[in-house]
Amino acid sequence: MLDAAARRLIDPPLDHAGRALAARGVGADAVTLAGLVLGLATAATIALGAPGWALLPLLLSRLLDGLDGAVARATRRTDFGGYLDIWCDFAFYGAVPFAFALLDRSNALAAAFLLLAFYVNGTSFLGYAIQAEKRLMATENQGLKSFYYSRGLLEGTETILFFVLLCLLPRYFVPLTVVFGSLCLLTAIGRVVHARTVLS
């Protein structure tokens, strides 16, 4: 829901930084993988009992997640780059709930529910993108992307804010996760209803 507005704010400085990195020979895939390493470092820091300290690699990883696209736009966009980017995103999104389950076993059921919600929501997102590609549909609501990004109640911006909140308030992991996971499922249902209208 917030991605389109967020892109308008962050794309200009990201594009400037992306051009500077591209001029120094830094590739978009390298930035993507560096973001994944920081994302996994976030999860490891949480699992080791320091969710507050995990905010630093978390925010840096999401900065690089936005920056890789800027570097690609400044050089050459590739299908593999788009594929790698979304794969790394989902690896990060799965690692954080798993880390909270490792941090405190009483979080395990809520973490499993959140992973289920991410799984269902992710398939609604990627499945729609496949069908949109077949129909030559295009949108730039969330910026210039490698494939079709369908809008929803919860998107990347909300997920980042949610993870930040979890790191700041780890003792409230269960209620926060139940609320966010439920909204993820509502987002997925909304996408399915929309897809039935558009794709039928």
Foldseek 3Di string as FASTA:
>chain_A
DCLLVVCVVPVVVLLVVLLVVVVVVDALVVLLVQLLVLLLVLLVCLLVPQLLVSLVSLVSSVSSLSNSVSNCVNPPDDLVSLVSSVVSVVVSLLSNLVSLCSNPVVSVVLSVLLNVLCVLLVCLQVVVQVLCVVVVHDDQSNHDGSTDGDDFPDDDVNSSVLSNVCSVPVVCSRVSSVVVSVRSNVRSVVSVVVCVVVVD
